Amino acid sequence: MHRSPAPRLLQLLAPVLLLPALGCGPATTPETRTYYVAAEEVTWDYAPAGRSLISNEEWNDVQRPFVTAGDMHVGRLARKAIYREYTDSTFTTLVPRTPEWEHLGIMGPLLRGVVGDTIRVVFLNRASFPASMHPHGVFYLKDSEGAPYEDGTDDAARRDDAVPPGSGHTYIWPVPERAGPSHGEGSTAFWMYHSHTTEVGDVNAGLIGPMIVTARAHARADATPDDVDRELVVGFLEFDETNSTLWRENLRTYGKLPAGYTPDLVFGERVVGPESQYAFKETLNGFLYGNTPGLTMRQGARVRWYLMASTNFEIHAPHWHGNTVLASHMTTDVAALLPMGMLVADMVPDNPGRWLFHCHVAPHLLMGMEATYEVTPAS
């Protein structure tokens, strides 16, 4: 991520959108924070340990169908399209993920901004299908919306909607006050971005990522909040592989066709039948059955959890064992997420140990939407 003075667009928008925010914090100059992001295809492993890390055992009869390829569905392995961050516009050197952020898993890079800033994303599409980047919460003009529909604009304003394979586009997203936390909300607001060219197919393929906006009064130079010790981002992400833009390739490579079927008879059809349930991967950041790594913190630390859901018919009930959080102005250990919902929950863990963290919707739990988080003693 690179920073530079705010561009002319931000200067034009400031009188309407930004001046109130600039008066409520340190007298710092708004910045343009530039990210270099590529959409790329990888072979993703939903359970790289090869077993359930919740029970530390081999797959049981309930789990096995969800991690084993069968008729009309994939198992542990699938071709996924993901967002990855690079150091500069050459797109030759990946920005490495530190251990602190390895838990992001399949999600794209964490984009940050401070109220008054501009987020600039230089996007390169290396996927095999047209894709885009559509943000939630921040400000954008029509050439940075990343969603194709009849909106009365010309061709120049639609180039962002479906970036062809091998092509690029630069998205400009000013961060107005209304994208930051409201009164009583804390020091950060949580948003997301995702491909919206073919929204259902692109998100199920894996193109989704997190974005955090910090209030200027609490922002460090790197846009992190100064009143939080540890941040964790967890996506309750249901991937319907039959609705992925990459389903054809996945069925050929990682799935199985029923006897008597050929690809021409299958592709384009919606999967129906008893096997169809196994095409759904109920994941935490793209991992099943406890395989999500790196959810660690220290006893007594100020921990902020950012939770999000994806685009299918999803209702999630995140549940923390062992500790409680402050979410939606109440103390709880169970929260609620709707499709594409976003939630901030604050925790000061007082109970060291390794604790279960899972979705309390029973089918999701059975299908692998569970992980553990670890609280190390303060000493």
Protein backbone atom coordinates (compact mmCIF):
# COMPACT_ATOMS: atom_id res chain seq x y z
CA MET A 1 0.00 0.00 0.00
CA HIS A 2 1.29 3.43 -0.97
CA ARG A 3 0.25 6.87 0.28
CA SER A 4 0.22 10.19 -1.54
CA PRO A 5 -1.55 13.57 -1.25
CA ALA A 6 -5.26 13.50 -1.99
CA PRO A 7 -6.13 13.87 -5.68
CA ARG A 8 -8.21 16.58 -7.27
CA LEU A 9 -11.39 14.50 -6.96
CA LEU A 10 -11.10 14.45 -3.18
CA GLN A 11 -10.48 18.18 -3.12
CA LEU A 12 -13.67 18.76 -5.10
CA LEU A 13 -15.72 16.50 -2.82
CA ALA A 14 -14.30 17.77 0.46
CA PRO A 15 -16.62 20.76 0.96
CA VAL A 16 -19.66 18.49 0.78
CA LEU A 17 -18.45 15.24 2.25
CA LEU A 18 -15.32 15.64 4.29
CA LEU A 19 -14.95 18.89 6.17
CA PRO A 20 -16.91 17.81 9.26
CA ALA A 21 -14.64 14.79 9.64
CA LEU A 22 -11.47 16.83 9.30
CA GLY A 23 -12.48 18.98 12.23
CA CYS A 24 -12.97 16.12 14.69
CA GLY A 25 -9.44 14.73 14.91
CA PRO A 26 -5.75 15.53 14.70
CA ALA A 27 -4.82 18.15 12.12
CA THR A 28 -3.43 15.68 9.61
CA THR A 29 -3.57 15.93 5.85
CA PRO A 30 -5.89 13.48 4.06
CA GLU A 31 -3.98 10.93 2.01
CA THR A 32 -4.52 8.75 -1.02
CA ARG A 33 -3.79 5.17 -0.03
CA THR A 34 -2.95 3.14 -3.12
CA TYR A 35 -3.30 -0.63 -3.34
CA TYR A 36 -2.26 -2.90 -6.22
CA VAL A 37 -4.71 -5.78 -6.39
CA ALA A 38 -4.97 -8.62 -8.91
CA ALA A 39 -7.70 -11.20 -9.38
CA GLU A 40 -5.96 -14.52 -9.83
CA GLU A 41 -6.97 -18.17 -9.96
CA VAL A 42 -5.52 -20.72 -7.54
CA THR A 43 -6.23 -24.24 -6.40
CA TRP A 44 -7.81 -23.77 -2.99
CA ASP A 45 -7.79 -26.36 -0.19
CA TYR A 46 -10.72 -25.97 2.18
CA ALA A 47 -9.12 -28.27 4.77
CA PRO A 48 -5.33 -28.27 4.30
CA ALA A 49 -4.68 -30.31 7.46
CA GLY A 50 -6.53 -33.22 5.89
CA ARG A 51 -8.63 -33.78 9.00
CA SER A 52 -10.92 -32.01 11.42
CA LEU A 53 -8.86 -29.84 13.75
CA ILE A 54 -11.85 -29.51 16.06
CA SER A 55 -11.80 -33.21 16.99
CA ASN A 56 -8.24 -33.78 15.69
CA GLU A 57 -9.51 -36.91 13.97
CA GLU A 58 -10.01 -38.19 10.44
CA TRP A 59 -13.28 -37.35 8.76
CA ASN A 60 -16.41 -38.92 10.21
CA ASP A 61 -19.44 -40.00 8.18
CA VAL A 62 -21.09 -36.56 8.41
CA GLN A 63 -17.98 -34.59 7.41
CA ARG A 64 -16.58 -36.87 4.72
CA PRO A 65 -19.00 -35.99 1.89
CA PHE A 66 -18.23 -32.27 2.25
CA VAL A 67 -14.48 -32.77 1.81
CA THR A 68 -14.58 -35.59 -0.76
CA ALA A 69 -15.41 -35.12 -4.43
CA GLY A 70 -18.59 -36.84 -5.58
CA ASP A 71 -21.29 -36.73 -8.23
CA MET A 72 -21.81 -33.12 -9.27
CA HIS A 73 -19.69 -31.59 -6.50
CA VAL A 74 -16.09 -30.93 -5.47
CA GLY A 75 -14.44 -31.90 -2.21
CA ARG A 76 -11.55 -30.23 -0.39
CA LEU A 77 -10.01 -28.85 -3.57
CA ALA A 78 -11.49 -26.32 -5.97
CA ARG A 79 -10.34 -23.75 -8.47
CA LYS A 80 -11.00 -20.35 -6.88
CA ALA A 81 -10.50 -16.77 -7.98
CA ILE A 82 -9.08 -14.57 -5.23
CA TYR A 83 -7.85 -11.02 -4.82
CA ARG A 84 -4.11 -10.73 -4.05
CA GLU A 85 -2.06 -7.64 -3.21
CA TYR A 86 1.18 -6.67 -4.97
CA THR A 87 3.85 -4.15 -4.08
CA ASP A 88 3.55 -1.95 -7.20
CA SER A 89 2.07 -1.58 -10.67
CA THR A 90 4.38 -4.21 -12.18
CA PHE A 91 2.41 -6.89 -10.35
CA THR A 92 5.49 -9.04 -9.95
CA THR A 93 6.01 -9.15 -6.16
CA LEU A 94 3.24 -10.24 -3.80
CA VAL A 95 2.81 -8.41 -0.51
CA PRO A 96 3.41 -11.20 2.03
CA ARG A 97 0.85 -11.83 4.71
CA THR A 98 2.26 -11.59 8.20
CA PRO A 99 1.36 -14.23 10.82
CA GLU A 100 -0.99 -11.67 12.35
CA TRP A 101 -3.11 -11.75 9.19
CA GLU A 102 -2.73 -15.33 7.95
CA HIS A 103 -6.25 -16.00 9.22
CA LEU A 104 -7.69 -13.97 6.30
CA GLY A 105 -7.37 -17.11 4.21
CA ILE A 106 -9.27 -16.90 0.94
CA MET A 107 -10.27 -13.26 1.39
CA GLY A 108 -8.61 -10.44 -0.49
CA PRO A 109 -6.19 -7.97 1.10
CA LEU A 110 -7.42 -5.78 3.92
CA LEU A 111 -7.96 -2.27 2.53
CA ARG A 112 -7.76 0.59 5.01
CA GLY A 113 -8.73 4.23 4.96
CA VAL A 114 -9.20 7.13 7.36
CA VAL A 115 -12.19 9.44 7.16
CA GLY A 116 -11.10 12.15 4.71
CA ASP A 117 -8.72 9.89 2.77
CA THR A 118 -9.09 8.39 -0.70
CA ILE A 119 -8.62 4.68 -1.37
CA ARG A 120 -7.11 4.11 -4.81
CA VAL A 121 -7.05 0.55 -6.14
CA VAL A 122 -5.01 -0.31 -9.22
CA PHE A 123 -6.73 -3.50 -10.35
CA LEU A 124 -5.42 -6.15 -12.76
CA ASN A 125 -7.65 -9.01 -13.83
CA ARG A 126 -5.65 -12.20 -14.23
CA ALA A 127 -8.71 -14.42 -13.90
CA SER A 128 -10.19 -16.25 -16.87
CA PHE A 129 -13.45 -14.28 -16.79
CA PRO A 130 -14.43 -10.57 -16.58
CA ALA A 131 -14.34 -9.25 -13.01
CA SER A 132 -14.50 -6.00 -11.06
CA MET A 133 -14.16 -4.46 -7.59
CA HIS A 134 -17.31 -3.02 -6.03
CA PRO A 135 -16.98 -1.37 -2.58
CA HIS A 136 -19.52 -0.98 0.19
CA GLY A 137 -19.87 2.19 2.25
CA VAL A 138 -17.35 4.52 0.63
CA PHE A 139 -18.01 7.15 -2.05
CA TYR A 140 -17.57 6.42 -5.75
CA LEU A 141 -18.45 7.85 -9.11
CA LYS A 142 -19.90 5.72 -11.91
CA ASP A 143 -16.48 4.83 -13.30
CA SER A 144 -15.51 3.26 -9.96
CA GLU A 145 -18.70 1.38 -9.02
CA GLY A 146 -17.74 -1.95 -10.55
CA ALA A 147 -21.30 -3.12 -11.30
CA PRO A 148 -22.90 -3.44 -14.75
CA TYR A 149 -26.51 -2.36 -15.16
CA GLU A 150 -28.41 0.18 -17.24
CA ASP A 151 -27.58 3.44 -15.48
CA GLY A 152 -27.58 5.87 -18.39
CA THR A 153 -23.80 6.34 -18.50
CA ASP A 154 -21.51 6.17 -21.52
CA ASP A 155 -18.96 3.51 -22.41
CA ALA A 156 -16.12 5.35 -20.66
CA ALA A 157 -17.99 5.23 -17.35
CA ARG A 158 -18.66 1.51 -17.75
CA ARG A 159 -15.12 0.25 -18.17
CA ASP A 160 -14.96 -0.51 -14.47
CA ASP A 161 -17.98 -2.81 -14.60
CA ALA A 162 -16.43 -5.83 -16.31
CA VAL A 163 -12.65 -5.70 -16.61
CA PRO A 164 -11.66 -8.28 -19.26
CA PRO A 165 -9.05 -10.95 -18.53
CA GLY A 166 -5.58 -9.46 -18.93
CA SER A 167 -6.82 -5.88 -18.54
CA GLY A 168 -6.85 -3.42 -15.67
CA HIS A 169 -8.73 -0.49 -14.19
CA THR A 170 -8.04 2.05 -11.44
CA TYR A 171 -10.82 2.50 -8.89
CA ILE A 172 -11.04 5.74 -6.89
CA TRP A 173 -13.02 5.61 -3.62
CA PRO A 174 -13.07 8.76 -1.44
CA VAL A 175 -13.81 8.09 2.23
CA PRO A 176 -16.47 10.55 3.44
CA GLU A 177 -17.61 10.99 7.01
CA ARG A 178 -20.62 8.73 6.44
CA ALA A 179 -18.23 5.85 5.67
CA GLY A 180 -16.67 6.16 9.12
CA PRO A 181 -18.03 5.08 12.49
CA SER A 182 -21.10 6.90 13.74
CA HIS A 183 -21.54 8.29 17.24
CA GLY A 184 -21.29 5.55 19.84
CA GLU A 185 -19.93 3.03 17.36
CA GLY A 186 -16.28 3.00 18.31
CA SER A 187 -13.22 4.07 16.34
CA THR A 188 -13.72 2.00 13.15
CA ALA A 189 -16.38 1.06 10.63
CA PHE A 190 -16.30 -2.21 8.72
CA TRP A 191 -17.06 -2.64 5.02
CA MET A 192 -16.30 -5.07 2.23
CA TYR A 193 -15.55 -5.19 -1.49
CA HIS A 194 -16.26 -7.88 -4.07
CA SER A 195 -16.61 -8.50 -7.78
CA HIS A 196 -20.01 -7.43 -9.08
CA THR A 197 -19.65 -8.26 -12.79
CA THR A 198 -21.60 -11.47 -12.29
CA GLU A 199 -22.13 -11.02 -8.59
CA VAL A 200 -23.41 -14.45 -7.59
CA GLY A 201 -20.88 -16.32 -9.70
CA ASP A 202 -17.93 -14.07 -8.86
CA VAL A 203 -18.44 -14.10 -5.09
CA ASN A 204 -18.97 -17.87 -5.09
CA ALA A 205 -15.75 -18.11 -7.08
CA GLY A 206 -13.97 -16.33 -4.19
CA LEU A 207 -13.69 -12.64 -5.14
CA ILE A 208 -14.45 -10.91 -1.84
CA GLY A 209 -12.40 -8.97 0.71
CA PRO A 210 -12.56 -6.69 3.79
CA MET A 211 -12.20 -2.92 4.21
CA ILE A 212 -11.84 -0.93 7.46
CA VAL A 213 -12.36 2.83 7.87
CA THR A 214 -10.92 4.51 10.96
CA ALA A 215 -12.10 7.77 12.52
CA ARG A 216 -9.45 10.45 12.08
CA ALA A 217 -9.33 11.15 15.82
CA HIS A 218 -8.18 7.57 16.44
CA ALA A 219 -6.08 6.87 13.35
CA ARG A 220 -2.41 6.03 13.38
CA ALA A 221 -0.32 6.87 10.31
CA ASP A 222 -1.01 3.42 8.84
CA ALA A 223 -4.79 3.94 9.34
CA THR A 224 -5.03 1.40 12.17
CA PRO A 225 -7.08 2.44 15.25
CA ASP A 226 -5.03 3.60 18.23
CA ASP A 227 -7.43 2.15 20.81
CA VAL A 228 -7.27 -1.47 19.60
CA ASP A 229 -4.48 -3.99 20.28
CA ARG A 230 -5.58 -6.85 18.01
CA GLU A 231 -7.84 -6.96 14.97
CA LEU A 232 -9.39 -10.10 13.50
CA VAL A 233 -11.47 -10.35 10.33
CA VAL A 234 -13.64 -13.44 9.90
CA GLY A 235 -15.90 -14.08 6.94
CA PHE A 236 -18.77 -16.51 7.45
CA LEU A 237 -18.53 -17.42 3.79
CA GLU A 238 -20.82 -19.94 2.17
CA PHE A 239 -19.47 -20.95 -1.24
CA ASP A 240 -21.99 -22.62 -3.55
CA GLU A 241 -19.59 -24.24 -5.99
CA THR A 242 -22.37 -24.97 -8.49
CA ASN A 243 -22.98 -21.22 -8.74
CA SER A 244 -19.29 -20.33 -9.04
CA THR A 245 -18.14 -18.71 -12.27
CA LEU A 246 -15.53 -21.50 -12.31
CA TRP A 247 -17.97 -24.39 -11.87
CA ARG A 248 -17.37 -25.90 -15.30
CA GLU A 249 -13.65 -26.16 -14.77
CA ASN A 250 -14.08 -27.40 -11.22
CA LEU A 251 -16.48 -30.15 -12.18
CA ARG A 252 -14.10 -31.34 -14.88
CA THR A 253 -11.00 -31.16 -12.69
CA TYR A 254 -12.06 -31.66 -9.06
CA GLY A 255 -15.59 -33.10 -9.20
CA LYS A 256 -17.29 -36.12 -10.69
CA LEU A 257 -20.01 -36.57 -13.28
CA PRO A 258 -22.80 -39.08 -12.59
CA ALA A 259 -22.81 -42.17 -14.76
CA GLY A 260 -24.27 -41.45 -18.17
CA TYR A 261 -23.71 -37.70 -18.01
CA THR A 262 -21.41 -35.66 -20.19
CA PRO A 263 -20.29 -32.10 -19.52
CA ASP A 264 -22.58 -30.80 -22.27
CA LEU A 265 -25.60 -32.25 -20.46
CA VAL A 266 -24.57 -30.83 -17.10
CA PHE A 267 -23.14 -27.36 -17.62
CA GLY A 268 -25.72 -24.64 -17.37
CA GLU A 269 -28.07 -26.76 -15.27
CA ARG A 270 -28.75 -26.08 -11.59
CA VAL A 271 -27.71 -28.99 -9.43
CA VAL A 272 -30.71 -30.63 -7.76
CA GLY A 273 -30.83 -33.81 -5.72
CA PRO A 274 -29.38 -35.37 -2.57
CA GLU A 275 -25.79 -34.75 -3.66
CA SER A 276 -26.35 -31.01 -4.14
CA GLN A 277 -25.92 -30.21 -0.44
CA TYR A 278 -22.27 -31.26 -0.67
CA ALA A 279 -21.56 -28.50 -3.20
CA PHE A 280 -21.99 -25.94 -0.40
CA LYS A 281 -18.85 -25.12 1.55
CA GLU A 282 -19.76 -23.45 4.87
CA THR A 283 -16.44 -21.84 5.73
CA LEU A 284 -14.70 -19.40 8.00
CA ASN A 285 -12.39 -17.46 5.67
CA GLY A 286 -12.44 -20.34 3.22
CA PHE A 287 -11.65 -23.12 5.70
CA LEU A 288 -13.70 -26.01 7.08
CA TYR A 289 -13.69 -27.96 10.35
CA GLY A 290 -11.22 -25.91 12.37
CA ASN A 291 -8.65 -25.36 9.61
CA THR A 292 -8.79 -21.55 9.90
CA PRO A 293 -5.34 -20.53 11.26
CA GLY A 294 -4.08 -17.68 13.39
CA LEU A 295 -7.05 -16.56 15.53
CA THR A 296 -4.83 -15.62 18.46
CA MET A 297 -4.82 -12.90 21.10
CA ARG A 298 -3.53 -12.07 24.57
CA GLN A 299 -5.52 -12.05 27.79
CA GLY A 300 -6.59 -8.48 28.63
CA ALA A 301 -5.90 -7.14 25.12
CA ARG A 302 -8.37 -4.86 23.38
CA VAL A 303 -9.50 -7.16 20.57
CA ARG A 304 -11.77 -6.08 17.73
CA TRP A 305 -13.53 -8.73 15.66
CA TYR A 306 -14.85 -7.78 12.22
CA LEU A 307 -17.41 -10.29 10.95
CA MET A 308 -18.99 -10.51 7.50
CA ALA A 309 -21.15 -12.83 5.42
CA SER A 310 -21.35 -13.49 1.69
CA THR A 311 -24.02 -13.40 -0.95
CA ASN A 312 -26.01 -16.66 -0.78
CA PHE A 313 -29.16 -17.46 1.19
CA GLU A 314 -27.34 -17.17 4.49
CA ILE A 315 -28.24 -16.57 8.11
CA HIS A 316 -25.36 -16.98 10.55
CA ALA A 317 -25.10 -16.94 14.33
CA PRO A 318 -21.43 -16.45 15.31
CA HIS A 319 -20.79 -17.85 18.79
CA TRP A 320 -17.70 -17.41 20.96
CA HIS A 321 -17.01 -19.97 23.67
CA GLY A 322 -15.16 -18.87 26.80
CA ASN A 323 -15.42 -15.09 26.47
CA THR A 324 -17.96 -12.38 25.65
CA VAL A 325 -18.05 -9.45 23.23
CA LEU A 326 -19.71 -6.06 23.03
CA ALA A 327 -21.69 -5.96 19.79
CA SER A 328 -24.66 -3.82 18.75
CA HIS A 329 -24.52 -2.04 22.13
CA MET A 330 -24.95 -5.20 24.18
CA THR A 331 -22.79 -7.79 25.89
CA THR A 332 -23.24 -11.17 24.25
CA ASP A 333 -21.53 -14.32 23.07
CA VAL A 334 -23.82 -14.88 20.05
CA ALA A 335 -24.24 -12.34 17.23
CA ALA A 336 -26.28 -12.28 14.01
CA LEU A 337 -25.27 -11.95 10.36
CA LEU A 338 -27.51 -11.69 7.30
CA PRO A 339 -26.37 -12.04 3.64
CA MET A 340 -23.54 -9.56 2.94
CA GLY A 341 -23.90 -8.32 6.51
CA MET A 342 -21.04 -6.69 8.42
CA LEU A 343 -20.56 -6.50 12.19
CA VAL A 344 -17.98 -5.13 14.64
CA ALA A 345 -17.58 -6.86 18.02
CA ASP A 346 -15.16 -5.81 20.78
CA MET A 347 -13.66 -8.30 23.22
CA VAL A 348 -11.34 -7.98 26.20
CA PRO A 349 -10.65 -11.68 26.79
CA ASP A 350 -10.34 -12.61 30.46
CA ASN A 351 -10.34 -16.39 30.07
CA PRO A 352 -7.14 -17.92 28.66
CA GLY A 353 -7.30 -21.11 26.64
CA ARG A 354 -8.29 -22.48 23.26
CA TRP A 355 -11.95 -21.85 22.59
CA LEU A 356 -14.51 -22.87 19.99
CA PHE A 357 -15.81 -20.21 17.57
CA HIS A 358 -18.55 -21.32 15.22
CA CYS A 359 -21.86 -20.67 13.54
CA HIS A 360 -24.76 -21.77 15.73
CA VAL A 361 -27.00 -22.56 12.75
CA ALA A 362 -27.03 -26.34 13.10
CA PRO A 363 -26.55 -27.33 9.42
CA HIS A 364 -23.66 -24.87 9.08
CA LEU A 365 -21.96 -26.33 12.14
CA LEU A 366 -22.33 -29.86 10.79
CA MET A 367 -20.98 -28.71 7.41
CA GLY A 368 -17.78 -27.29 8.91
CA MET A 369 -18.33 -23.62 9.82
CA GLU A 370 -16.23 -23.83 12.97
CA ALA A 371 -12.78 -22.83 14.19
CA THR A 372 -10.88 -22.25 17.42
CA TYR A 373 -9.40 -19.05 18.80
CA GLU A 374 -6.65 -18.95 21.38
CA VAL A 375 -6.18 -16.58 24.32
CA THR A 376 -2.68 -16.69 25.78
CA PRO A 377 -2.14 -15.72 29.44
CA ALA A 378 -1.21 -12.10 30.07
CA SER A 379 2.05 -13.15 31.70
